Amino acid sequence: MTTVAETPVTEAPALGIHTDLSNTDYHADKTSLSSSGARKLLPPSTPAHFRYEQDNPQPATKTFDYGNAAHKLVLGNGPELIVIDHARWDTKAAKVAVLEARERGAIPLKQHEMDMVNGMAAAIRKHPLAAALLDPAYGAPEQSGFWIDGPTGIRRRVRFDWLPSIQSGRLIIPDYKTAADASDDAMQKDIAKYGYNQQADWYEEASRALGLGGDDAELLLIVQEKKAPYLINVIGIEFGSRIIGGAKNRRAIETFAECMNTGVWPGYGDEPNYLALPGYAETRDKEMYL
């Protein structure tokens, strides 16, 4: 796959599928709305939070480093991984090496961290379903798409972790994630916490809008634990939860369209917000004190 230098773009990417758009250029487009952006527009966040993060990219964290490093080895695309061969990272020499790695767009890792992501990639290759979904002979990583939302006319975008190259029949869209706990119980909570049901609806709608899949297109999460034995859970989002995700996405899209039109990105409001006790606390205190 052709690669391009990660330099800022001056024009919004054209509509349609991009096979060689860098991650930097994809995220630099402020005229379009992504799935993660849609989730940031809704409570408990606000449009003001969304806009601030657009204008002020957040610095790298170890959590994101681990995820991006695993993506690199599992999917075969992403930043360079550099082992910083220092016993301690609080020395001047180590700090300089880490800074130099960051400045060239690489991810600095300790040796045990590199061993971890190598182990994760090896475990993926041994998992029958995950390996089949991410088979490099039948797909490619980091494919971007842009389209126009019919009801509002805004630009929307998507970046598929992996897009199958053979698209005859039903389209399955694998999305790779790392987690401390990939059990069903933990992931059910994460679906609510991180809005993965919204992501599923967004990606499935994107596939239809871009002519990649039909009404039966489905996103599957490939979730992998970051601790040996690096277990993997392939998860589909239940239909009713995707319907809820779609309704939330529609609210976010309409909010984005209004903010783009007015130039106003509201926070918590300019008037007092009168709040009640949480339901559980109100019930408890009524029984005890009233």
Protein backbone atom coordinates (compact mmCIF):
# COMPACT_ATOMS: atom_id res chain seq x y z
CA MET A 1 0.00 0.00 0.00
CA THR A 2 1.32 3.46 -0.87
CA THR A 3 2.27 5.61 2.05
CA VAL A 4 2.37 9.38 2.20
CA ALA A 5 4.25 11.80 4.39
CA GLU A 6 2.29 12.92 7.43
CA THR A 7 2.10 16.62 6.62
CA PRO A 8 -0.83 18.95 7.29
CA VAL A 9 -3.37 19.27 4.50
CA THR A 10 -4.76 22.58 3.30
CA GLU A 11 -7.89 21.18 1.69
CA ALA A 12 -10.47 18.76 3.01
CA PRO A 13 -10.04 15.26 1.58
CA ALA A 14 -12.31 14.42 -1.33
CA LEU A 15 -15.42 12.33 -0.86
CA GLY A 16 -15.05 8.59 -1.20
CA ILE A 17 -12.51 6.00 -0.06
CA HIS A 18 -8.85 6.91 0.54
CA THR A 19 -6.38 4.04 0.69
CA ASP A 20 -3.28 6.10 1.44
CA LEU A 21 -4.44 9.00 3.62
CA SER A 22 -2.21 9.44 6.66
CA ASN A 23 -3.66 9.38 10.15
CA THR A 24 -2.51 12.98 10.64
CA ASP A 25 -4.28 14.21 7.52
CA TYR A 26 -7.41 12.27 8.38
CA HIS A 27 -7.70 13.88 11.81
CA ALA A 28 -6.74 17.32 10.50
CA ASP A 29 -10.04 17.71 8.66
CA LYS A 30 -12.19 19.89 10.92
CA THR A 31 -14.98 20.16 8.34
CA SER A 32 -16.15 16.59 8.87
CA LEU A 33 -17.47 14.58 11.80
CA SER A 34 -16.05 11.24 12.90
CA SER A 35 -17.52 8.55 15.13
CA SER A 36 -15.31 9.52 18.08
CA GLY A 37 -16.21 13.18 17.51
CA ALA A 38 -19.92 12.35 17.53
CA ARG A 39 -19.52 10.68 20.91
CA LYS A 40 -17.65 13.72 22.23
CA LEU A 41 -20.52 16.05 21.29
CA LEU A 42 -23.01 14.29 23.57
CA PRO A 43 -23.37 14.30 27.39
CA PRO A 44 -21.53 13.99 29.66
CA SER A 45 -19.24 15.84 27.24
CA THR A 46 -20.23 19.03 25.37
CA PRO A 47 -19.65 20.68 21.98
CA ALA A 48 -17.22 23.00 23.77
CA HIS A 49 -15.12 20.01 24.85
CA PHE A 50 -15.25 18.65 21.30
CA ARG A 51 -14.09 21.93 19.77
CA TYR A 52 -11.31 22.43 22.31
CA GLU A 53 -9.86 18.99 21.59
CA GLN A 54 -10.03 19.69 17.86
CA ASP A 55 -7.97 22.83 18.35
CA ASN A 56 -5.69 21.40 21.05
CA PRO A 57 -4.62 17.81 20.27
CA GLN A 58 -3.92 15.89 23.44
CA PRO A 59 -0.38 14.64 24.17
CA ALA A 60 0.41 10.97 23.90
CA THR A 61 -0.23 8.77 26.92
CA LYS A 62 1.04 5.30 27.76
CA THR A 63 -2.44 3.86 27.27
CA PHE A 64 -2.58 5.22 23.74
CA ASP A 65 1.01 4.17 23.11
CA TYR A 66 0.17 0.56 23.97
CA GLY A 67 -2.92 0.61 21.78
CA ASN A 68 -1.14 2.22 18.83
CA ALA A 69 1.86 -0.10 19.16
CA ALA A 70 -0.41 -3.15 19.18
CA HIS A 71 -2.27 -1.77 16.15
CA LYS A 72 1.06 -1.41 14.35
CA LEU A 73 2.06 -5.04 14.86
CA VAL A 74 -1.40 -6.57 14.51
CA LEU A 75 -2.64 -4.53 11.54
CA GLY A 76 0.70 -3.80 9.89
CA ASN A 77 0.31 -0.04 9.67
CA GLY A 78 1.10 2.81 12.02
CA PRO A 79 3.96 4.71 13.64
CA GLU A 80 7.46 3.29 13.95
CA LEU A 81 8.14 1.50 17.24
CA ILE A 82 11.45 2.31 18.94
CA VAL A 83 12.84 0.52 21.97
CA ILE A 84 14.50 3.00 24.34
CA ASP A 85 17.29 0.88 25.73
CA HIS A 86 17.68 2.55 29.12
CA ALA A 87 17.02 0.88 32.45
CA ARG A 88 15.42 4.12 33.69
CA TRP A 89 13.56 6.74 31.70
CA ASP A 90 14.10 9.57 34.18
CA THR A 91 17.73 10.10 33.16
CA LYS A 92 18.74 12.91 30.80
CA ALA A 93 19.88 10.48 28.10
CA ALA A 94 16.61 8.52 28.25
CA LYS A 95 14.51 11.68 28.15
CA VAL A 96 16.40 12.88 25.06
CA ALA A 97 15.89 9.51 23.33
CA VAL A 98 12.16 9.53 24.13
CA LEU A 99 11.80 13.11 22.89
CA GLU A 100 13.65 12.34 19.66
CA ALA A 101 11.37 9.37 19.06
CA ARG A 102 8.26 11.47 19.63
CA GLU A 103 9.53 14.23 17.34
CA ARG A 104 9.91 11.80 14.44
CA GLY A 105 6.40 10.46 15.02
CA ALA A 106 7.52 7.15 16.52
CA ILE A 107 6.28 5.42 19.67
CA PRO A 108 8.99 4.94 22.33
CA LEU A 109 8.74 1.67 24.25
CA LYS A 110 10.63 -0.15 26.94
CA GLN A 111 11.83 -3.63 26.05
CA HIS A 112 9.18 -5.35 28.16
CA GLU A 113 6.52 -3.24 26.44
CA MET A 114 7.81 -4.28 23.02
CA ASP A 115 7.74 -7.89 24.21
CA MET A 116 4.12 -7.38 25.25
CA VAL A 117 2.92 -6.07 21.87
CA ASN A 118 4.87 -8.77 20.06
CA GLY A 119 3.13 -11.34 22.23
CA MET A 120 -0.24 -9.77 21.47
CA ALA A 121 0.39 -9.90 17.72
CA ALA A 122 1.44 -13.56 17.98
CA ALA A 123 -1.73 -14.40 19.92
CA ILE A 124 -3.90 -12.74 17.27
CA ARG A 125 -2.30 -14.88 14.56
CA LYS A 126 -3.16 -18.02 16.55
CA HIS A 127 -6.82 -17.10 17.07
CA PRO A 128 -8.86 -18.72 14.27
CA LEU A 129 -11.54 -16.06 13.89
CA ALA A 130 -9.40 -12.99 14.59
CA ALA A 131 -6.67 -14.21 12.24
CA ALA A 132 -9.22 -14.83 9.48
CA LEU A 133 -10.83 -11.40 9.90
CA LEU A 134 -7.43 -9.67 9.76
CA ASP A 135 -5.82 -11.82 7.07
CA PRO A 136 -3.51 -9.50 5.06
CA ALA A 137 -4.24 -11.53 1.93
CA TYR A 138 -7.86 -10.38 2.01
CA GLY A 139 -7.83 -6.85 3.36
CA ALA A 140 -5.90 -3.70 4.16
CA PRO A 141 -5.53 -1.51 7.27
CA GLU A 142 -6.38 2.12 7.94
CA GLN A 143 -8.80 2.89 5.10
CA SER A 144 -10.51 6.28 5.30
CA GLY A 145 -13.83 7.36 3.86
CA PHE A 146 -15.73 10.66 3.53
CA TRP A 147 -19.37 11.16 2.59
CA ILE A 148 -22.23 13.64 2.85
CA ASP A 149 -24.96 13.14 5.43
CA GLY A 150 -28.29 13.30 3.62
CA PRO A 151 -30.51 14.94 6.28
CA THR A 152 -28.04 17.69 7.29
CA GLY A 153 -25.60 18.02 4.39
CA ILE A 154 -22.55 17.87 6.68
CA ARG A 155 -19.41 15.95 5.81
CA ARG A 156 -18.92 12.72 7.75
CA ARG A 157 -15.83 10.55 7.92
CA VAL A 158 -14.70 7.10 9.01
CA ARG A 159 -11.35 5.35 9.39
CA PHE A 160 -11.67 1.60 9.21
CA ASP A 161 -9.05 -0.32 11.20
CA TRP A 162 -9.36 -2.99 8.55
CA LEU A 163 -11.34 -3.18 5.35
CA PRO A 164 -11.79 -6.49 3.52
CA SER A 165 -10.63 -6.33 -0.09
CA ILE A 166 -13.07 -9.03 -1.20
CA GLN A 167 -16.50 -7.48 -0.75
CA SER A 168 -18.77 -10.05 -2.37
CA GLY A 169 -21.50 -11.13 0.01
CA ARG A 170 -21.93 -9.80 3.53
CA LEU A 171 -19.40 -7.20 4.71
CA ILE A 172 -17.84 -7.84 8.13
CA ILE A 173 -15.90 -4.86 9.49
CA PRO A 174 -13.33 -5.87 12.11
CA ASP A 175 -12.22 -3.23 14.61
CA TYR A 176 -9.25 -4.01 16.85
CA LYS A 177 -9.16 -2.79 20.44
CA THR A 178 -6.98 -3.46 23.47
CA ALA A 179 -8.29 -3.71 27.03
CA ALA A 180 -7.22 -4.65 30.52
CA ASP A 181 -10.19 -7.02 30.68
CA ALA A 182 -11.85 -8.44 27.57
CA SER A 183 -14.44 -10.58 29.38
CA ASP A 184 -18.10 -10.29 28.40
CA ASP A 185 -18.99 -8.53 31.66
CA ALA A 186 -16.21 -5.97 31.32
CA MET A 187 -16.91 -5.32 27.66
CA GLN A 188 -20.62 -4.84 28.25
CA LYS A 189 -19.68 -1.96 30.54
CA ASP A 190 -17.16 -0.64 28.00
CA ILE A 191 -19.81 -0.61 25.26
CA ALA A 192 -21.77 1.84 27.41
CA LYS A 193 -18.70 3.75 28.66
CA TYR A 194 -17.03 4.28 25.28
CA GLY A 195 -20.08 4.23 23.02
CA TYR A 196 -19.07 1.20 20.98
CA ASN A 197 -22.71 0.76 19.99
CA GLN A 198 -22.50 4.21 18.37
CA GLN A 199 -19.30 3.19 16.61
CA ALA A 200 -20.95 0.06 15.25
CA ASP A 201 -23.87 2.03 13.81
CA TRP A 202 -21.51 4.69 12.40
CA TYR A 203 -19.22 2.22 10.63
CA GLU A 204 -22.09 0.17 9.27
CA GLU A 205 -23.79 3.30 7.93
CA ALA A 206 -20.47 4.45 6.47
CA SER A 207 -20.07 1.17 4.60
CA ARG A 208 -23.49 1.62 3.00
CA ALA A 209 -22.93 5.30 2.15
CA LEU A 210 -19.56 4.47 0.54
CA GLY A 211 -20.96 1.55 -1.47
CA LEU A 212 -18.99 -1.09 0.43
CA GLY A 213 -21.73 -3.08 2.12
CA GLY A 214 -25.45 -3.58 2.34
CA ASP A 215 -28.00 -3.52 5.13
CA ASP A 216 -26.44 -6.65 6.60
CA ALA A 217 -22.96 -5.11 7.05
CA GLU A 218 -21.74 -5.62 10.61
CA LEU A 219 -18.92 -4.34 12.77
CA LEU A 220 -17.19 -6.88 15.01
CA LEU A 221 -14.88 -5.80 17.82
CA ILE A 222 -11.68 -7.81 18.19
CA VAL A 223 -10.78 -7.05 21.80
CA GLN A 224 -7.46 -8.24 23.19
CA GLU A 225 -6.12 -8.15 26.73
CA LYS A 226 -2.77 -6.47 27.34
CA LYS A 227 -1.58 -9.09 29.81
CA ALA A 228 -0.43 -12.61 28.99
CA PRO A 229 -1.86 -14.87 27.70
CA TYR A 230 -3.28 -11.93 25.67
CA LEU A 231 -6.75 -13.43 25.36
CA ILE A 232 -9.06 -12.30 22.57
CA ASN A 233 -12.82 -11.79 22.57
CA VAL A 234 -14.61 -11.17 19.27
CA ILE A 235 -17.74 -9.19 20.06
CA GLY A 236 -20.78 -8.15 18.07
CA ILE A 237 -23.12 -5.39 19.23
CA GLU A 238 -26.70 -6.54 19.84
CA PHE A 239 -29.25 -5.09 17.41
CA GLY A 240 -31.22 -3.03 19.94
CA SER A 241 -28.03 -1.44 21.26
CA ARG A 242 -27.04 -0.45 17.71
CA ILE A 243 -30.46 1.17 17.22
CA ILE A 244 -29.84 3.25 20.35
CA GLY A 245 -26.36 4.05 19.04
CA GLY A 246 -27.87 5.24 15.76
CA ALA A 247 -30.29 7.56 17.56
CA LYS A 248 -27.43 9.04 19.58
CA ASN A 249 -25.37 9.49 16.41
CA ARG A 250 -28.24 11.33 14.75
CA ARG A 251 -28.48 13.72 17.71
CA ALA A 252 -24.71 14.32 17.52
CA ILE A 253 -24.83 14.92 13.76
CA GLU A 254 -27.59 17.49 14.17
CA THR A 255 -25.65 19.17 16.97
CA PHE A 256 -22.52 19.34 14.82
CA ALA A 257 -24.49 20.79 11.91
CA GLU A 258 -25.99 23.49 14.14
CA CYS A 259 -22.63 24.37 15.68
CA MET A 260 -20.96 24.57 12.26
CA ASN A 261 -23.78 26.80 11.01
CA THR A 262 -23.80 29.17 13.98
CA GLY A 263 -20.15 29.04 15.02
CA VAL A 264 -21.31 28.50 18.61
CA TRP A 265 -19.99 25.47 20.52
CA PRO A 266 -21.89 25.48 23.83
CA GLY A 267 -20.74 24.07 27.14
CA TYR A 268 -23.03 23.48 30.11
CA GLY A 269 -25.20 26.53 29.39
CA ASP A 270 -25.41 30.10 30.62
CA GLU A 271 -28.27 29.65 33.10
CA PRO A 272 -28.50 27.67 36.35
CA ASN A 273 -29.03 23.93 35.92
CA TYR A 274 -31.29 22.66 38.70
CA LEU A 275 -30.36 19.10 39.62
CA ALA A 276 -32.02 16.45 41.73
CA LEU A 277 -30.30 13.78 43.75
CA PRO A 278 -29.42 10.65 41.78
CA GLY A 279 -32.38 8.26 41.78
CA TYR A 280 -30.71 5.73 44.09
CA ALA A 281 -29.78 8.45 46.61
CA GLU A 282 -33.23 10.04 46.56
CA THR A 283 -34.89 6.66 47.19
CA ARG A 284 -32.46 5.85 50.01
CA ASP A 285 -32.81 9.21 51.73
CA LYS A 286 -36.60 9.33 51.41
CA GLU A 287 -36.81 6.02 53.24
CA MET A 288 -34.38 7.10 55.95
CA TYR A 289 -35.37 10.71 56.59
CA LEU A 290 -38.86 11.48 55.27
